[in-house]
Amino acid sequence: MSAETLQRNLRSCARGLKQLQHRFYKNKGDLHMLHIIYKKYPDGVLPSVLAKHMDISLPTVSQKIGVLEESGLIARLPVETDKRKTVVKVTRQGAKELDEAFGEFLSTCCRIYGKLGEEKGEQLSALLEEVYNYIQEELEETE
């Protein structure tokens, strides 16, 4: 297999994986942001910190926060030490929906694994971990 074929296959898998993730969540473009807030900042996060973490502009973050807030998935809370600032935090409803979406996604992954069979599934998992480690090495070398 050539490097071009490997690259094409990795991109196709990444695209398919992203499509699967989005299938299980109604606010497709905001799934990543909700997940980051939920996992990395359970006590809340300033929008500016979130923008840096996601490497996107503050206006884009503000727009996505507005969509998530309207859906009841996050809430804006005043910062205790500076009432002019707000942090965003995932609501119970947001956590519930994210957990449900993840459960459905995981179930789909299990069905795919089942179609591969145990041996091929284990091989694929090991290969993907190896590829990930190589990618991390390349990133470290280029920093």
C-alpha atoms as a PDB file:
ATOM      1  CA  MET A   1       0.000   0.000   0.000  1.00  0.00           C
ATOM      2  CA  SER A   2       1.307   3.428  -0.888  1.00  0.00           C
ATOM      3  CA  ALA A   3       1.484   6.421   1.442  1.00  0.00           C
ATOM      4  CA  GLU A   4      -1.215   8.094  -0.671  1.00  0.00           C
ATOM      5  CA  THR A   5      -3.554   5.135  -0.207  1.00  0.00           C
ATOM      6  CA  LEU A   6      -2.932   5.120   3.539  1.00  0.00           C
ATOM      7  CA  GLN A   7      -3.625   8.851   3.714  1.00  0.00           C
ATOM      8  CA  ARG A   8      -6.854   8.475   1.711  1.00  0.00           C
ATOM      9  CA  ASN A   9      -8.033   5.588   3.924  1.00  0.00           C
ATOM     10  CA  LEU A  10      -7.241   7.461   7.149  1.00  0.00           C
ATOM     11  CA  ARG A  11      -9.119  10.525   5.906  1.00  0.00           C
ATOM     12  CA  SER A  12     -12.095   8.400   4.883  1.00  0.00           C
ATOM     13  CA  CYS A  13     -12.206   6.720   8.291  1.00  0.00           C
ATOM     14  CA  ALA A  14     -11.884  10.059  10.098  1.00  0.00           C
ATOM     15  CA  ARG A  15     -14.681  11.532   7.979  1.00  0.00           C
ATOM     16  CA  GLY A  16     -16.906   8.499   8.590  1.00  0.00           C
ATOM     17  CA  LEU A  17     -16.203   8.596  12.311  1.00  0.00           C
ATOM     18  CA  LYS A  18     -17.130  12.280  12.445  1.00  0.00           C
ATOM     19  CA  GLN A  19     -20.364  11.582  10.547  1.00  0.00           C
ATOM     20  CA  LEU A  20     -21.238   8.838  13.028  1.00  0.00           C
ATOM     21  CA  GLN A  21     -20.601  11.164  15.956  1.00  0.00           C
ATOM     22  CA  HIS A  22     -22.813  13.847  14.439  1.00  0.00           C
ATOM     23  CA  ARG A  23     -25.642  11.414  13.738  1.00  0.00           C
ATOM     24  CA  PHE A  24     -26.183  11.073  17.459  1.00  0.00           C
ATOM     25  CA  TYR A  25     -26.251  14.730  18.328  1.00  0.00           C
ATOM     26  CA  LYS A  26     -28.747  17.354  17.177  1.00  0.00           C
ATOM     27  CA  ASN A  27     -26.421  20.379  17.362  1.00  0.00           C
ATOM     28  CA  LYS A  28     -23.837  18.835  15.075  1.00  0.00           C
ATOM     29  CA  GLY A  29     -21.341  21.670  14.872  1.00  0.00           C
ATOM     30  CA  ASP A  30     -21.367  22.203  18.611  1.00  0.00           C
ATOM     31  CA  LEU A  31     -20.763  18.627  19.759  1.00  0.00           C
ATOM     32  CA  HIS A  32     -17.027  19.149  20.011  1.00  0.00           C
ATOM     33  CA  MET A  33     -17.381  22.298  22.110  1.00  0.00           C
ATOM     34  CA  LEU A  34     -19.930  20.723  24.451  1.00  0.00           C
ATOM     35  CA  HIS A  35     -17.688  17.690  24.881  1.00  0.00           C
ATOM     36  CA  ILE A  36     -14.641  19.859  25.685  1.00  0.00           C
ATOM     37  CA  ILE A  37     -16.537  21.878  28.287  1.00  0.00           C
ATOM     38  CA  TYR A  38     -17.975  18.695  29.812  1.00  0.00           C
ATOM     39  CA  LYS A  39     -14.710  16.762  30.015  1.00  0.00           C
ATOM     40  CA  LYS A  40     -11.975  19.398  30.381  1.00  0.00           C
ATOM     41  CA  TYR A  41     -13.771  22.153  32.298  1.00  0.00           C
ATOM     42  CA  PRO A  42     -16.465  20.578  34.500  1.00  0.00           C
ATOM     43  CA  ASP A  43     -16.499  23.639  36.794  1.00  0.00           C
ATOM     44  CA  GLY A  44     -16.938  26.038  33.879  1.00  0.00           C
ATOM     45  CA  VAL A  45     -14.655  27.892  31.503  1.00  0.00           C
ATOM     46  CA  LEU A  46     -14.210  31.435  30.258  1.00  0.00           C
ATOM     47  CA  PRO A  47     -15.146  31.779  26.574  1.00  0.00           C
ATOM     48  CA  SER A  48     -11.688  33.235  25.845  1.00  0.00           C
ATOM     49  CA  VAL A  49      -9.998  30.142  27.328  1.00  0.00           C
ATOM     50  CA  LEU A  50     -12.312  27.903  25.307  1.00  0.00           C
ATOM     51  CA  ALA A  51     -11.452  29.820  22.121  1.00  0.00           C
ATOM     52  CA  LYS A  52      -7.732  29.277  22.743  1.00  0.00           C
ATOM     53  CA  HIS A  53      -8.260  25.607  23.604  1.00  0.00           C
ATOM     54  CA  MET A  54     -10.236  25.013  20.397  1.00  0.00           C
ATOM     55  CA  ASP A  55      -8.052  27.328  18.290  1.00  0.00           C
ATOM     56  CA  ILE A  56     -11.055  29.271  16.979  1.00  0.00           C
ATOM     57  CA  SER A  57     -12.041  32.918  17.236  1.00  0.00           C
ATOM     58  CA  LEU A  58     -13.884  34.332  20.223  1.00  0.00           C
ATOM     59  CA  PRO A  59     -16.852  35.466  18.043  1.00  0.00           C
ATOM     60  CA  THR A  60     -17.217  31.892  16.763  1.00  0.00           C
ATOM     61  CA  VAL A  61     -17.116  30.561  20.321  1.00  0.00           C
ATOM     62  CA  SER A  62     -19.719  33.136  21.387  1.00  0.00           C
ATOM     63  CA  GLN A  63     -22.005  32.116  18.538  1.00  0.00           C
ATOM     64  CA  LYS A  64     -21.724  28.408  19.412  1.00  0.00           C
ATOM     65  CA  ILE A  65     -22.263  29.162  23.095  1.00  0.00           C
ATOM     66  CA  GLY A  66     -25.461  30.991  22.159  1.00  0.00           C
ATOM     67  CA  VAL A  67     -26.778  27.962  20.264  1.00  0.00           C
ATOM     68  CA  LEU A  68     -25.922  25.594  23.113  1.00  0.00           C
ATOM     69  CA  GLU A  69     -27.436  27.957  25.685  1.00  0.00           C
ATOM     70  CA  GLU A  70     -30.686  28.315  23.706  1.00  0.00           C
ATOM     71  CA  SER A  71     -30.903  24.518  23.636  1.00  0.00           C
ATOM     72  CA  GLY A  72     -30.485  24.387  27.420  1.00  0.00           C
ATOM     73  CA  LEU A  73     -27.259  22.406  27.136  1.00  0.00           C
ATOM     74  CA  ILE A  74     -24.978  24.976  28.768  1.00  0.00           C
ATOM     75  CA  ALA A  75     -25.458  27.927  31.102  1.00  0.00           C
ATOM     76  CA  ARG A  76     -23.555  31.159  31.528  1.00  0.00           C
ATOM     77  CA  LEU A  77     -22.618  31.849  35.139  1.00  0.00           C
ATOM     78  CA  PRO A  78     -21.031  35.003  36.574  1.00  0.00           C
ATOM     79  CA  VAL A  79     -17.446  34.744  37.787  1.00  0.00           C
ATOM     80  CA  GLU A  80     -17.484  35.203  41.571  1.00  0.00           C
ATOM     81  CA  THR A  81     -14.451  37.512  41.624  1.00  0.00           C
ATOM     82  CA  ASP A  82     -15.481  39.616  38.610  1.00  0.00           C
ATOM     83  CA  LYS A  83     -19.208  39.860  37.888  1.00  0.00           C
ATOM     84  CA  ARG A  84     -18.476  41.361  34.444  1.00  0.00           C
ATOM     85  CA  LYS A  85     -17.120  37.991  33.281  1.00  0.00           C
ATOM     86  CA  THR A  86     -19.030  34.760  32.774  1.00  0.00           C
ATOM     87  CA  VAL A  87     -18.037  31.133  32.572  1.00  0.00           C
ATOM     88  CA  VAL A  88     -19.955  28.532  30.604  1.00  0.00           C
ATOM     89  CA  LYS A  89     -20.838  25.221  32.168  1.00  0.00           C
ATOM     90  CA  VAL A  90     -22.656  22.152  30.887  1.00  0.00           C
ATOM     91  CA  THR A  91     -26.155  21.791  32.372  1.00  0.00           C
ATOM     92  CA  ARG A  92     -27.676  18.529  33.602  1.00  0.00           C
ATOM     93  CA  GLN A  93     -29.641  18.353  30.371  1.00  0.00           C
ATOM     94  CA  GLY A  94     -26.440  18.890  28.363  1.00  0.00           C
ATOM     95  CA  ALA A  95     -24.609  16.171  30.302  1.00  0.00           C
ATOM     96  CA  LYS A  96     -27.533  13.792  29.843  1.00  0.00           C
ATOM     97  CA  GLU A  97     -27.744  14.397  26.100  1.00  0.00           C
ATOM     98  CA  LEU A  98     -23.982  14.104  25.685  1.00  0.00           C
ATOM     99  CA  ASP A  99     -23.929  10.842  27.654  1.00  0.00           C
ATOM    100  CA  GLU A 100     -26.819   9.453  25.599  1.00  0.00           C
ATOM    101  CA  ALA A 101     -25.162  10.453  22.332  1.00  0.00           C
ATOM    102  CA  PHE A 102     -21.893   8.871  23.442  1.00  0.00           C
ATOM    103  CA  GLY A 103     -23.704   5.671  24.465  1.00  0.00           C
ATOM    104  CA  GLU A 104     -25.381   5.402  21.063  1.00  0.00           C
ATOM    105  CA  PHE A 105     -22.083   6.124  19.316  1.00  0.00           C
ATOM    106  CA  LEU A 106     -20.289   3.497  21.410  1.00  0.00           C
ATOM    107  CA  SER A 107     -23.005   0.973  20.612  1.00  0.00           C
ATOM    108  CA  THR A 108     -22.502   1.615  16.895  1.00  0.00           C
ATOM    109  CA  CYS A 109     -18.740   1.180  17.298  1.00  0.00           C
ATOM    110  CA  CYS A 110     -19.383  -2.160  19.016  1.00  0.00           C
ATOM    111  CA  ARG A 111     -21.547  -3.301  16.091  1.00  0.00           C
ATOM    112  CA  ILE A 112     -18.779  -2.356  13.660  1.00  0.00           C
ATOM    113  CA  TYR A 113     -16.251  -4.213  15.801  1.00  0.00           C
ATOM    114  CA  GLY A 114     -18.595  -7.222  15.779  1.00  0.00           C
ATOM    115  CA  LYS A 115     -18.758  -7.171  11.981  1.00  0.00           C
ATOM    116  CA  LEU A 116     -14.967  -7.257  11.822  1.00  0.00           C
ATOM    117  CA  GLY A 117     -14.770 -10.191  14.210  1.00  0.00           C
ATOM    118  CA  GLU A 118     -12.572 -10.389  17.284  1.00  0.00           C
ATOM    119  CA  GLU A 119      -9.272 -11.088  15.518  1.00  0.00           C
ATOM    120  CA  LYS A 120      -9.575  -8.332  12.912  1.00  0.00           C
ATOM    121  CA  GLY A 121     -10.999  -5.956  15.531  1.00  0.00           C
ATOM    122  CA  GLU A 122      -7.983  -6.520  17.783  1.00  0.00           C
ATOM    123  CA  GLN A 123      -5.604  -6.080  14.832  1.00  0.00           C
ATOM    124  CA  LEU A 124      -7.319  -2.845  13.789  1.00  0.00           C
ATOM    125  CA  SER A 125      -7.243  -1.507  17.327  1.00  0.00           C
ATOM    126  CA  ALA A 126      -3.535  -2.291  17.689  1.00  0.00           C
ATOM    127  CA  LEU A 127      -2.724  -0.747  14.305  1.00  0.00           C
ATOM    128  CA  LEU A 128      -4.673   2.414  15.062  1.00  0.00           C
ATOM    129  CA  GLU A 129      -2.874   2.788  18.375  1.00  0.00           C
ATOM    130  CA  GLU A 130       0.448   2.317  16.611  1.00  0.00           C
ATOM    131  CA  VAL A 131      -0.456   4.911  13.958  1.00  0.00           C
ATOM    132  CA  TYR A 132      -1.530   7.337  16.682  1.00  0.00           C
ATOM    133  CA  ASN A 133       1.808   6.880  18.458  1.00  0.00           C
ATOM    134  CA  TYR A 134       3.697   7.532  15.212  1.00  0.00           C
ATOM    135  CA  ILE A 135       1.658  10.689  14.655  1.00  0.00           C
ATOM    136  CA  GLN A 136       2.482  11.881  18.176  1.00  0.00           C
ATOM    137  CA  GLU A 137       6.193  11.229  17.536  1.00  0.00           C
ATOM    138  CA  GLU A 138       6.040  13.241  14.310  1.00  0.00           C
ATOM    139  CA  LEU A 139       4.305  16.108  16.092  1.00  0.00           C
ATOM    140  CA  GLU A 140       6.905  16.123  18.866  1.00  0.00           C
ATOM    141  CA  GLU A 141       9.763  16.121  16.345  1.00  0.00           C
ATOM    142  CA  THR A 142       8.337  19.093  14.445  1.00  0.00           C
ATOM    143  CA  GLU A 143       7.727  21.264  17.511  1.00  0.00           C
END
